[in-house]
N, C-alpha and C. Protein backbone atom coordinates (compact mmCIF):
# COMPACT_ATOMS: atom_id res chain seq x y z
N MET A 1 148.72 -77.40 -56.08
CA MET A 1 149.88 -77.95 -55.40
C MET A 1 151.06 -77.01 -55.64
N ARG A 2 151.77 -76.70 -54.58
CA ARG A 2 152.90 -75.77 -54.65
C ARG A 2 154.20 -76.51 -54.94
N ASP A 3 155.14 -75.78 -55.52
CA ASP A 3 156.46 -76.34 -55.79
C ASP A 3 157.50 -75.90 -54.77
N SER A 4 157.20 -74.83 -54.03
CA SER A 4 158.16 -74.31 -53.07
C SER A 4 157.43 -73.57 -51.95
N PHE A 5 158.16 -73.27 -50.88
CA PHE A 5 157.62 -72.46 -49.80
C PHE A 5 158.77 -71.81 -49.07
N ILE A 6 158.46 -70.85 -48.20
CA ILE A 6 159.48 -70.12 -47.45
C ILE A 6 159.71 -70.82 -46.12
N PHE A 7 160.97 -71.13 -45.85
CA PHE A 7 161.36 -71.73 -44.57
C PHE A 7 162.11 -70.65 -43.80
N TYR A 8 161.53 -70.18 -42.70
CA TYR A 8 162.08 -69.06 -41.94
C TYR A 8 163.13 -69.51 -40.93
N ARG A 9 163.99 -68.57 -40.56
CA ARG A 9 165.00 -68.83 -39.54
C ARG A 9 164.34 -69.22 -38.22
N SER A 10 163.20 -68.63 -37.93
CA SER A 10 162.51 -68.95 -36.67
C SER A 10 162.11 -70.43 -36.61
N PHE A 11 161.80 -71.03 -37.78
CA PHE A 11 161.49 -72.46 -37.80
C PHE A 11 162.74 -73.25 -37.40
N PHE A 12 163.86 -72.88 -37.96
CA PHE A 12 165.12 -73.57 -37.67
C PHE A 12 165.50 -73.40 -36.20
N GLU A 13 165.35 -72.17 -35.68
CA GLU A 13 165.69 -71.91 -34.28
C GLU A 13 164.83 -72.75 -33.34
N ALA A 14 163.57 -72.96 -33.70
CA ALA A 14 162.67 -73.74 -32.86
C ALA A 14 163.07 -75.21 -32.79
N THR A 15 163.75 -75.72 -33.81
CA THR A 15 164.11 -77.14 -33.84
C THR A 15 165.46 -77.43 -33.21
N LYS A 16 166.19 -76.43 -32.77
CA LYS A 16 167.53 -76.64 -32.21
C LYS A 16 167.52 -77.47 -30.93
N THR A 17 166.46 -77.39 -30.18
CA THR A 17 166.40 -78.13 -28.91
C THR A 17 165.97 -79.58 -29.11
N LEU A 18 165.53 -79.93 -30.31
CA LEU A 18 165.05 -81.28 -30.58
C LEU A 18 166.21 -82.22 -30.94
N THR A 19 165.95 -83.50 -30.77
CA THR A 19 166.93 -84.50 -31.23
C THR A 19 166.87 -84.53 -32.75
N THR A 20 167.81 -85.18 -33.36
CA THR A 20 167.88 -85.23 -34.81
C THR A 20 166.64 -85.90 -35.39
N GLU A 21 166.17 -87.01 -34.77
CA GLU A 21 164.98 -87.69 -35.27
C GLU A 21 163.73 -86.82 -35.12
N GLN A 22 163.60 -86.13 -33.98
CA GLN A 22 162.44 -85.27 -33.75
C GLN A 22 162.45 -84.09 -34.74
N ALA A 23 163.64 -83.52 -34.96
CA ALA A 23 163.75 -82.41 -35.89
C ALA A 23 163.41 -82.86 -37.30
N ALA A 24 163.87 -84.05 -37.69
CA ALA A 24 163.58 -84.57 -39.02
C ALA A 24 162.08 -84.77 -39.20
N ASP A 25 161.42 -85.30 -38.18
CA ASP A 25 159.96 -85.49 -38.25
C ASP A 25 159.24 -84.15 -38.39
N LEU A 26 159.70 -83.14 -37.63
CA LEU A 26 159.07 -81.81 -37.69
C LEU A 26 159.31 -81.18 -39.07
N TYR A 27 160.55 -81.29 -39.60
CA TYR A 27 160.83 -80.77 -40.95
C TYR A 27 159.93 -81.42 -41.99
N TYR A 28 159.78 -82.73 -41.87
CA TYR A 28 158.95 -83.45 -42.83
C TYR A 28 157.49 -82.99 -42.72
N ALA A 29 157.02 -82.78 -41.48
CA ALA A 29 155.64 -82.33 -41.27
C ALA A 29 155.44 -80.92 -41.84
N ILE A 30 156.44 -80.05 -41.65
CA ILE A 30 156.36 -78.69 -42.19
C ILE A 30 156.29 -78.74 -43.71
N CYS A 31 157.18 -79.51 -44.32
CA CYS A 31 157.20 -79.62 -45.78
C CYS A 31 155.90 -80.21 -46.31
N SER A 32 155.41 -81.25 -45.67
CA SER A 32 154.18 -81.91 -46.11
C SER A 32 153.00 -80.95 -46.05
N TYR A 33 152.94 -80.16 -44.98
CA TYR A 33 151.82 -79.23 -44.83
C TYR A 33 151.96 -78.04 -45.80
N ALA A 34 153.17 -77.50 -45.93
CA ALA A 34 153.38 -76.33 -46.77
C ALA A 34 153.17 -76.65 -48.25
N LEU A 35 153.62 -77.82 -48.70
CA LEU A 35 153.55 -78.16 -50.12
C LEU A 35 152.24 -78.86 -50.51
N ASP A 36 151.79 -79.79 -49.67
CA ASP A 36 150.63 -80.61 -50.04
C ASP A 36 149.40 -80.40 -49.17
N ARG A 37 149.52 -79.54 -48.15
CA ARG A 37 148.43 -79.23 -47.21
C ARG A 37 147.99 -80.48 -46.43
N LYS A 38 148.92 -81.39 -46.13
CA LYS A 38 148.63 -82.60 -45.35
C LYS A 38 149.24 -82.46 -43.97
N GLU A 39 148.40 -82.67 -42.94
CA GLU A 39 148.89 -82.62 -41.56
C GLU A 39 149.25 -84.03 -41.13
N LEU A 40 150.42 -84.19 -40.55
CA LEU A 40 150.90 -85.49 -40.09
C LEU A 40 150.74 -85.59 -38.57
N GLU A 41 150.67 -86.82 -38.08
CA GLU A 41 150.62 -87.06 -36.63
C GLU A 41 152.03 -86.88 -36.07
N LEU A 42 152.12 -86.10 -34.98
CA LEU A 42 153.42 -85.81 -34.37
C LEU A 42 153.37 -86.08 -32.87
N GLU A 43 154.54 -86.22 -32.30
CA GLU A 43 154.65 -86.37 -30.85
C GLU A 43 154.31 -85.01 -30.22
N PRO A 44 153.97 -84.96 -28.95
CA PRO A 44 153.53 -83.73 -28.29
C PRO A 44 154.49 -82.54 -28.44
N VAL A 45 155.78 -82.73 -28.29
CA VAL A 45 156.73 -81.63 -28.37
C VAL A 45 156.74 -81.06 -29.80
N GLN A 46 156.81 -81.95 -30.78
CA GLN A 46 156.83 -81.50 -32.18
C GLN A 46 155.48 -80.88 -32.56
N LYS A 47 154.41 -81.45 -31.99
CA LYS A 47 153.07 -80.92 -32.29
C LYS A 47 152.95 -79.48 -31.77
N ALA A 48 153.52 -79.22 -30.58
CA ALA A 48 153.47 -77.88 -30.01
C ALA A 48 154.24 -76.89 -30.89
N LEU A 49 155.43 -77.28 -31.34
CA LEU A 49 156.21 -76.42 -32.21
C LEU A 49 155.50 -76.21 -33.55
N PHE A 50 154.93 -77.29 -34.08
CA PHE A 50 154.23 -77.19 -35.36
C PHE A 50 153.03 -76.25 -35.25
N SER A 51 152.34 -76.26 -34.11
CA SER A 51 151.17 -75.38 -33.93
C SER A 51 151.59 -73.91 -33.94
N LEU A 52 152.84 -73.61 -33.55
CA LEU A 52 153.34 -72.25 -33.60
C LEU A 52 153.77 -71.86 -35.03
N ILE A 53 154.21 -72.83 -35.81
CA ILE A 53 154.69 -72.59 -37.17
C ILE A 53 153.54 -72.56 -38.18
N LYS A 54 152.49 -73.32 -37.91
CA LYS A 54 151.37 -73.49 -38.85
C LYS A 54 150.72 -72.18 -39.28
N PRO A 55 150.46 -71.19 -38.39
CA PRO A 55 149.83 -69.95 -38.86
C PRO A 55 150.64 -69.22 -39.94
N GLN A 56 151.98 -69.26 -39.81
CA GLN A 56 152.82 -68.62 -40.82
C GLN A 56 152.73 -69.37 -42.14
N LEU A 57 152.68 -70.69 -42.09
CA LEU A 57 152.54 -71.48 -43.32
C LEU A 57 151.19 -71.21 -43.99
N ASP A 58 150.14 -71.07 -43.16
CA ASP A 58 148.80 -70.76 -43.70
C ASP A 58 148.78 -69.39 -44.37
N ALA A 59 149.41 -68.39 -43.73
CA ALA A 59 149.44 -67.05 -44.30
C ALA A 59 150.20 -67.04 -45.63
N ASN A 60 151.32 -67.74 -45.67
CA ASN A 60 152.10 -67.82 -46.92
C ASN A 60 151.32 -68.54 -48.02
N HIS A 61 150.58 -69.57 -47.63
CA HIS A 61 149.79 -70.30 -48.61
C HIS A 61 148.68 -69.42 -49.18
N LYS A 62 148.07 -68.61 -48.31
CA LYS A 62 147.01 -67.71 -48.76
C LYS A 62 147.57 -66.67 -49.74
N ARG A 63 148.76 -66.12 -49.43
CA ARG A 63 149.40 -65.18 -50.35
C ARG A 63 149.69 -65.84 -51.70
N TRP A 64 150.15 -67.07 -51.63
CA TRP A 64 150.45 -67.81 -52.86
C TRP A 64 149.18 -68.02 -53.69
N GLU A 65 148.08 -68.39 -53.02
CA GLU A 65 146.81 -68.58 -53.74
C GLU A 65 146.34 -67.27 -54.38
N ASN A 66 146.44 -66.17 -53.66
CA ASN A 66 146.04 -64.88 -54.21
C ASN A 66 146.89 -64.52 -55.42
N GLY A 67 148.18 -64.83 -55.35
CA GLY A 67 149.05 -64.58 -56.49
C GLY A 67 148.65 -65.42 -57.69
N CYS A 68 148.26 -66.66 -57.44
CA CYS A 68 147.82 -67.53 -58.55
C CYS A 68 146.53 -67.00 -59.17
N LYS A 69 145.62 -66.52 -58.32
CA LYS A 69 144.36 -65.97 -58.83
C LYS A 69 144.62 -64.74 -59.70
N LYS A 70 145.54 -63.88 -59.24
CA LYS A 70 145.88 -62.68 -60.03
C LYS A 70 146.48 -63.08 -61.36
N LYS A 71 147.36 -64.07 -61.35
CA LYS A 71 147.96 -64.53 -62.60
C LYS A 71 146.91 -65.08 -63.55
N GLN A 72 145.91 -65.81 -62.99
CA GLN A 72 144.84 -66.35 -63.84
C GLN A 72 144.02 -65.21 -64.44
N LYS A 73 143.71 -64.20 -63.63
CA LYS A 73 142.94 -63.06 -64.14
C LYS A 73 143.71 -62.34 -65.23
N VAL A 74 145.00 -62.13 -64.99
CA VAL A 74 145.83 -61.45 -65.97
C VAL A 74 145.92 -62.27 -67.25
N SER A 75 146.10 -63.57 -67.11
CA SER A 75 146.22 -64.40 -68.31
C SER A 75 144.89 -64.44 -69.07
N LYS A 76 143.76 -64.40 -68.36
CA LYS A 76 142.46 -64.36 -69.04
C LYS A 76 142.30 -63.05 -69.80
N VAL A 77 142.68 -61.93 -69.16
CA VAL A 77 142.59 -60.62 -69.81
C VAL A 77 143.52 -60.58 -71.03
N GLN A 78 144.72 -61.11 -70.88
CA GLN A 78 145.66 -61.13 -72.00
C GLN A 78 145.12 -62.01 -73.13
N ALA A 79 144.50 -63.12 -72.79
CA ALA A 79 143.93 -64.00 -73.83
C ALA A 79 142.82 -63.28 -74.58
N LYS A 80 141.98 -62.54 -73.84
CA LYS A 80 140.90 -61.78 -74.50
C LYS A 80 141.48 -60.71 -75.41
N GLN A 81 142.54 -60.04 -74.94
CA GLN A 81 143.16 -59.01 -75.76
C GLN A 81 143.77 -59.61 -77.02
N LYS A 82 144.37 -60.77 -76.90
CA LYS A 82 144.94 -61.43 -78.07
C LYS A 82 143.85 -61.82 -79.05
N GLN A 83 142.69 -62.26 -78.53
CA GLN A 83 141.58 -62.63 -79.41
C GLN A 83 141.09 -61.40 -80.16
N LYS A 84 141.00 -60.28 -79.45
CA LYS A 84 140.55 -59.05 -80.09
C LYS A 84 141.51 -58.62 -81.18
N VAL A 85 142.78 -58.76 -80.91
CA VAL A 85 143.79 -58.35 -81.88
C VAL A 85 143.83 -59.32 -83.05
N SER A 86 143.71 -60.61 -82.77
CA SER A 86 143.86 -61.59 -83.82
C SER A 86 142.64 -61.70 -84.72
N LYS A 87 141.47 -61.28 -84.25
CA LYS A 87 140.26 -61.35 -85.07
C LYS A 87 140.03 -60.02 -85.76
N PRO A 88 140.41 -59.91 -87.03
CA PRO A 88 140.14 -58.65 -87.73
C PRO A 88 138.66 -58.53 -88.06
N LYS A 89 138.17 -57.34 -88.00
CA LYS A 89 136.76 -57.10 -88.31
C LYS A 89 136.58 -57.06 -89.82
N ALA A 90 135.43 -57.55 -90.27
CA ALA A 90 135.17 -57.61 -91.71
C ALA A 90 135.00 -56.22 -92.31
N ASN A 91 134.22 -55.36 -91.65
CA ASN A 91 133.97 -54.02 -92.18
C ASN A 91 134.75 -53.00 -91.35
N VAL A 92 135.91 -52.69 -91.83
CA VAL A 92 136.75 -51.73 -91.12
C VAL A 92 136.74 -50.43 -91.90
N ASN A 93 136.25 -49.38 -91.26
CA ASN A 93 136.25 -48.05 -91.85
C ASN A 93 137.31 -47.22 -91.16
N VAL A 94 138.25 -46.76 -91.92
CA VAL A 94 139.32 -45.95 -91.36
C VAL A 94 139.16 -44.54 -91.88
N ASN A 95 138.94 -43.62 -90.96
CA ASN A 95 138.83 -42.20 -91.31
C ASN A 95 140.01 -41.48 -90.68
N VAL A 96 140.82 -40.93 -91.49
CA VAL A 96 141.97 -40.19 -90.99
C VAL A 96 141.72 -38.71 -91.26
N ASN A 97 141.56 -37.98 -90.17
CA ASN A 97 141.35 -36.53 -90.28
C ASN A 97 142.54 -35.85 -89.64
N VAL A 98 143.32 -35.18 -90.44
CA VAL A 98 144.49 -34.49 -89.93
C VAL A 98 144.23 -33.00 -89.99
N ASN A 99 144.38 -32.36 -88.83
CA ASN A 99 144.21 -30.92 -88.76
C ASN A 99 145.37 -30.37 -87.95
N ASP A 100 146.32 -29.80 -88.61
CA ASP A 100 147.48 -29.26 -87.93
C ASP A 100 147.26 -27.83 -87.46
N ASN A 101 146.06 -27.30 -87.67
CA ASN A 101 145.73 -25.93 -87.28
C ASN A 101 146.69 -24.92 -87.90
N VAL A 102 147.13 -25.20 -89.10
CA VAL A 102 148.01 -24.27 -89.80
C VAL A 102 147.27 -23.81 -91.05
N ASN A 103 147.12 -22.52 -91.16
CA ASN A 103 146.45 -21.97 -92.32
C ASN A 103 147.46 -21.90 -93.46
N VAL A 104 147.16 -22.57 -94.54
CA VAL A 104 148.08 -22.62 -95.67
C VAL A 104 148.24 -21.25 -96.30
N ASN A 105 147.22 -20.40 -96.20
CA ASN A 105 147.27 -19.08 -96.81
C ASN A 105 148.18 -18.11 -96.05
N GLU A 106 148.49 -18.41 -94.80
CA GLU A 106 149.37 -17.55 -94.02
C GLU A 106 150.78 -17.66 -94.56
N LYS A 107 151.42 -16.52 -94.72
CA LYS A 107 152.79 -16.52 -95.20
C LYS A 107 153.71 -16.43 -93.99
N VAL A 108 154.63 -17.35 -93.90
CA VAL A 108 155.54 -17.41 -92.77
C VAL A 108 156.72 -16.50 -93.04
N TYR A 109 156.98 -15.60 -92.11
CA TYR A 109 158.12 -14.69 -92.25
C TYR A 109 159.40 -15.43 -91.87
N ARG A 110 159.35 -16.14 -90.73
CA ARG A 110 160.55 -16.81 -90.24
C ARG A 110 160.15 -18.06 -89.48
N LYS A 111 160.94 -19.11 -89.66
CA LYS A 111 160.66 -20.37 -88.98
C LYS A 111 161.99 -21.00 -88.56
N PHE A 112 162.02 -21.48 -87.33
CA PHE A 112 163.17 -22.25 -86.85
C PHE A 112 162.68 -23.17 -85.75
N SER A 113 163.37 -24.28 -85.63
CA SER A 113 163.02 -25.27 -84.62
C SER A 113 161.52 -25.57 -84.71
N HIS A 114 160.81 -25.38 -83.65
CA HIS A 114 159.37 -25.63 -83.63
C HIS A 114 158.57 -24.33 -83.65
N LEU A 115 159.24 -23.20 -83.77
CA LEU A 115 158.59 -21.90 -83.72
C LEU A 115 158.54 -21.26 -85.10
N GLN A 116 157.50 -20.46 -85.31
CA GLN A 116 157.41 -19.68 -86.55
C GLN A 116 156.60 -18.42 -86.29
N ILE A 117 156.85 -17.42 -87.11
CA ILE A 117 156.08 -16.18 -87.01
C ILE A 117 155.60 -15.84 -88.41
N ASN A 118 154.31 -15.53 -88.52
CA ASN A 118 153.78 -15.20 -89.85
C ASN A 118 154.00 -13.72 -90.15
N LEU A 119 153.78 -13.36 -91.38
CA LEU A 119 154.05 -12.01 -91.85
C LEU A 119 153.20 -10.96 -91.13
N ASP A 120 151.93 -11.29 -90.87
CA ASP A 120 151.05 -10.34 -90.19
C ASP A 120 151.57 -10.02 -88.79
N ASP A 121 151.94 -11.06 -88.03
CA ASP A 121 152.46 -10.83 -86.68
C ASP A 121 153.78 -10.08 -86.71
N TYR A 122 154.61 -10.40 -87.70
CA TYR A 122 155.88 -9.69 -87.85
C TYR A 122 155.64 -8.20 -88.11
N ASP A 123 154.68 -7.90 -88.99
CA ASP A 123 154.37 -6.50 -89.29
C ASP A 123 153.86 -5.76 -88.05
N LYS A 124 153.09 -6.45 -87.21
CA LYS A 124 152.61 -5.82 -85.97
C LYS A 124 153.80 -5.42 -85.09
N LEU A 125 154.78 -6.31 -85.00
CA LEU A 125 155.95 -6.02 -84.18
C LEU A 125 156.77 -4.88 -84.78
N VAL A 126 156.92 -4.87 -86.12
CA VAL A 126 157.70 -3.82 -86.78
C VAL A 126 157.02 -2.46 -86.61
N ASN A 127 155.68 -2.43 -86.62
CA ASN A 127 154.95 -1.17 -86.41
C ASN A 127 155.17 -0.63 -85.00
N GLU A 128 155.29 -1.51 -84.03
CA GLU A 128 155.47 -1.08 -82.65
C GLU A 128 156.94 -0.80 -82.33
N TYR A 129 157.84 -1.60 -82.87
CA TYR A 129 159.28 -1.45 -82.68
C TYR A 129 159.89 -1.32 -84.08
N ASN A 130 161.15 -1.05 -84.18
CA ASN A 130 161.72 -0.94 -85.53
C ASN A 130 162.15 -2.32 -86.06
N LYS A 131 162.35 -2.39 -87.37
CA LYS A 131 162.64 -3.66 -88.04
C LYS A 131 163.93 -4.28 -87.51
N GLN A 132 164.95 -3.45 -87.30
CA GLN A 132 166.24 -3.96 -86.83
C GLN A 132 166.10 -4.62 -85.45
N LYS A 133 165.35 -3.96 -84.54
CA LYS A 133 165.15 -4.51 -83.20
C LYS A 133 164.42 -5.85 -83.26
N VAL A 134 163.39 -5.91 -84.08
CA VAL A 134 162.59 -7.14 -84.19
C VAL A 134 163.47 -8.28 -84.72
N ASP A 135 164.23 -8.01 -85.76
CA ASP A 135 165.10 -9.05 -86.32
C ASP A 135 166.17 -9.48 -85.32
N ASP A 136 166.71 -8.52 -84.57
CA ASP A 136 167.71 -8.86 -83.55
C ASP A 136 167.11 -9.77 -82.48
N ILE A 137 165.91 -9.44 -82.04
CA ILE A 137 165.24 -10.25 -81.00
C ILE A 137 164.94 -11.66 -81.54
N LEU A 138 164.49 -11.74 -82.79
CA LEU A 138 164.23 -13.06 -83.37
C LEU A 138 165.51 -13.89 -83.43
N ASP A 139 166.63 -13.24 -83.76
CA ASP A 139 167.92 -13.93 -83.77
C ASP A 139 168.28 -14.43 -82.36
N GLN A 140 168.04 -13.58 -81.38
CA GLN A 140 168.35 -13.95 -79.99
C GLN A 140 167.51 -15.14 -79.54
N ILE A 141 166.24 -15.13 -79.90
CA ILE A 141 165.36 -16.24 -79.51
C ILE A 141 165.81 -17.53 -80.20
N GLU A 142 166.17 -17.41 -81.47
CA GLU A 142 166.62 -18.60 -82.20
C GLU A 142 167.88 -19.19 -81.58
N ASN A 143 168.78 -18.34 -81.13
CA ASN A 143 170.04 -18.80 -80.56
C ASN A 143 169.95 -19.13 -79.07
N PHE A 144 168.83 -18.82 -78.45
CA PHE A 144 168.63 -19.12 -77.03
C PHE A 144 168.41 -20.62 -76.87
N LYS A 145 169.24 -21.25 -76.05
CA LYS A 145 169.16 -22.72 -75.96
C LYS A 145 167.88 -23.19 -75.27
N GLY A 146 167.22 -22.35 -74.51
CA GLY A 146 165.98 -22.73 -73.84
C GLY A 146 164.74 -22.41 -74.64
N ASN A 147 164.89 -22.16 -75.95
CA ASN A 147 163.73 -21.76 -76.75
C ASN A 147 162.73 -22.89 -76.96
N THR A 148 163.08 -24.11 -76.59
CA THR A 148 162.15 -25.23 -76.78
C THR A 148 160.94 -25.14 -75.86
N LYS A 149 161.04 -24.34 -74.81
CA LYS A 149 159.90 -24.22 -73.90
C LYS A 149 158.84 -23.24 -74.41
N TYR A 150 159.19 -22.47 -75.44
CA TYR A 150 158.25 -21.49 -75.97
C TYR A 150 157.28 -22.14 -76.95
N LYS A 151 156.06 -21.63 -76.96
CA LYS A 151 155.02 -22.18 -77.83
C LYS A 151 154.70 -21.27 -79.01
N ASN A 152 154.84 -19.94 -78.82
CA ASN A 152 154.42 -18.99 -79.82
C ASN A 152 155.52 -17.96 -80.03
N LEU A 153 156.07 -17.90 -81.22
CA LEU A 153 157.19 -17.00 -81.49
C LEU A 153 156.77 -15.54 -81.43
N TYR A 154 155.57 -15.23 -81.88
CA TYR A 154 155.09 -13.83 -81.85
C TYR A 154 155.03 -13.33 -80.41
N LEU A 155 154.39 -14.10 -79.52
CA LEU A 155 154.26 -13.66 -78.13
C LEU A 155 155.61 -13.60 -77.43
N THR A 156 156.46 -14.56 -77.73
CA THR A 156 157.80 -14.56 -77.13
C THR A 156 158.58 -13.33 -77.58
N ALA A 157 158.56 -13.05 -78.87
CA ALA A 157 159.28 -11.88 -79.39
C ALA A 157 158.73 -10.60 -78.78
N LYS A 158 157.40 -10.52 -78.65
CA LYS A 158 156.77 -9.33 -78.07
C LYS A 158 157.25 -9.12 -76.63
N ASN A 159 157.27 -10.21 -75.86
CA ASN A 159 157.74 -10.10 -74.48
C ASN A 159 159.22 -9.72 -74.40
N TRP A 160 160.03 -10.31 -75.26
CA TRP A 160 161.45 -9.99 -75.26
C TRP A 160 161.68 -8.54 -75.67
N LEU A 161 160.91 -8.07 -76.62
CA LEU A 161 161.05 -6.66 -77.05
C LEU A 161 160.64 -5.71 -75.93
N LYS A 162 159.58 -6.03 -75.22
CA LYS A 162 159.16 -5.19 -74.08
C LYS A 162 160.26 -5.13 -73.04
N ARG A 163 160.81 -6.30 -72.73
CA ARG A 163 161.87 -6.37 -71.72
C ARG A 163 163.10 -5.59 -72.18
N ASP A 164 163.45 -5.74 -73.43
CA ASP A 164 164.60 -5.02 -73.98
C ASP A 164 164.37 -3.51 -73.96
N ASN A 165 163.15 -3.11 -74.27
CA ASN A 165 162.79 -1.69 -74.27
C ASN A 165 162.88 -1.10 -72.87
N LEU A 166 162.44 -1.85 -71.86
CA LEU A 166 162.53 -1.38 -70.48
C LEU A 166 163.99 -1.23 -70.05
N ASN A 167 164.83 -2.18 -70.46
CA ASN A 167 166.25 -2.11 -70.08
C ASN A 167 166.94 -0.92 -70.71
N THR A 168 166.62 -0.61 -71.96
CA THR A 168 167.26 0.53 -72.62
C THR A 168 166.77 1.85 -72.03
N LYS A 169 165.52 1.89 -71.62
CA LYS A 169 165.00 3.12 -71.01
C LYS A 169 165.66 3.38 -69.67
N LYS A 170 165.99 2.35 -68.93
CA LYS A 170 166.64 2.52 -67.64
C LYS A 170 168.03 3.13 -67.82
N ASN A 171 168.68 2.81 -68.92
CA ASN A 171 170.04 3.30 -69.16
C ASN A 171 170.06 4.73 -69.68
N GLU A 172 168.95 5.27 -70.18
CA GLU A 172 168.89 6.64 -70.68
C GLU A 172 168.89 7.61 -69.51
N LYS A 173 169.46 8.79 -69.73
CA LYS A 173 169.50 9.81 -68.67
C LYS A 173 168.18 10.56 -68.65
N ARG A 174 167.81 10.96 -67.46
CA ARG A 174 166.60 11.75 -67.29
C ARG A 174 166.94 13.23 -67.45
N ALA A 175 165.93 14.03 -67.66
CA ALA A 175 166.15 15.48 -67.82
C ALA A 175 166.72 16.08 -66.55
N SER A 176 166.44 15.48 -65.42
CA SER A 176 166.91 16.04 -64.16
C SER A 176 168.35 15.65 -63.85
N ASP A 177 168.91 14.68 -64.63
CA ASP A 177 170.29 14.27 -64.39
C ASP A 177 171.24 15.41 -64.75
N PHE A 178 172.33 15.54 -64.05
CA PHE A 178 173.33 16.56 -64.30
C PHE A 178 174.05 16.26 -65.61
N ASP A 179 174.16 17.25 -66.47
CA ASP A 179 174.81 17.08 -67.76
C ASP A 179 175.75 18.24 -67.97
N THR A 180 176.90 17.99 -68.58
CA THR A 180 177.88 19.06 -68.79
C THR A 180 177.36 20.11 -69.76
N LYS A 181 176.48 19.75 -70.66
CA LYS A 181 175.93 20.72 -71.61
C LYS A 181 174.97 21.67 -70.91
N ARG A 182 174.42 21.25 -69.80
CA ARG A 182 173.44 22.07 -69.11
C ARG A 182 174.04 22.59 -67.80
N ALA A 183 175.29 22.89 -67.79
CA ALA A 183 175.98 23.30 -66.56
C ALA A 183 175.74 24.75 -66.21
N PHE A 184 174.98 25.48 -66.98
CA PHE A 184 174.63 26.86 -66.71
C PHE A 184 175.86 27.74 -66.52
N GLY A 185 176.81 27.59 -67.38
CA GLY A 185 177.99 28.44 -67.31
C GLY A 185 179.01 28.01 -66.31
N VAL A 186 178.81 26.97 -65.65
CA VAL A 186 179.78 26.50 -64.68
C VAL A 186 180.71 25.55 -65.42
N SER A 187 181.98 25.81 -65.33
CA SER A 187 182.92 24.92 -66.02
C SER A 187 183.37 23.83 -65.04
N LEU A 188 183.59 22.77 -65.59
CA LEU A 188 184.00 21.63 -64.76
C LEU A 188 185.42 21.26 -64.97
């Protein structure tokens, strides 16, 4: 049994041509059918209007029933979940295996935020570039506000050093560039 239903403007518009008593009978018939599913005997004019309104009431009732079924299914699932949670098992074995994939034997050269570089990786960078450059790049990465997107400090530093190296090479003069020292006796 329903507690409410939707009364559409089209229902109201259909009753405007009726007398007050006829409209009251039609309203009562609509309410009786929508709430209690009881069809009342009506005069021909009201019966004709009710036959036009009835399909919408049936569709709304079907939607309401489907909603009730879904609520019942959800409440049954929730009840089962509560039973599972509330009934502790007698033999509970808890195995906690934590593996952070960090080798304790590795010596960390530098660590900040979520990034770190171990001594071996640092030495690789120093062998390829000089110590001052590597330390400068590590400082730049640490101060870079977007460093949270990086996953590996060694690879990031290596990429930044490559990029920095390319930029400095572009600024160096080539042997073919004109230089005052190589003016071949021509004074400028």
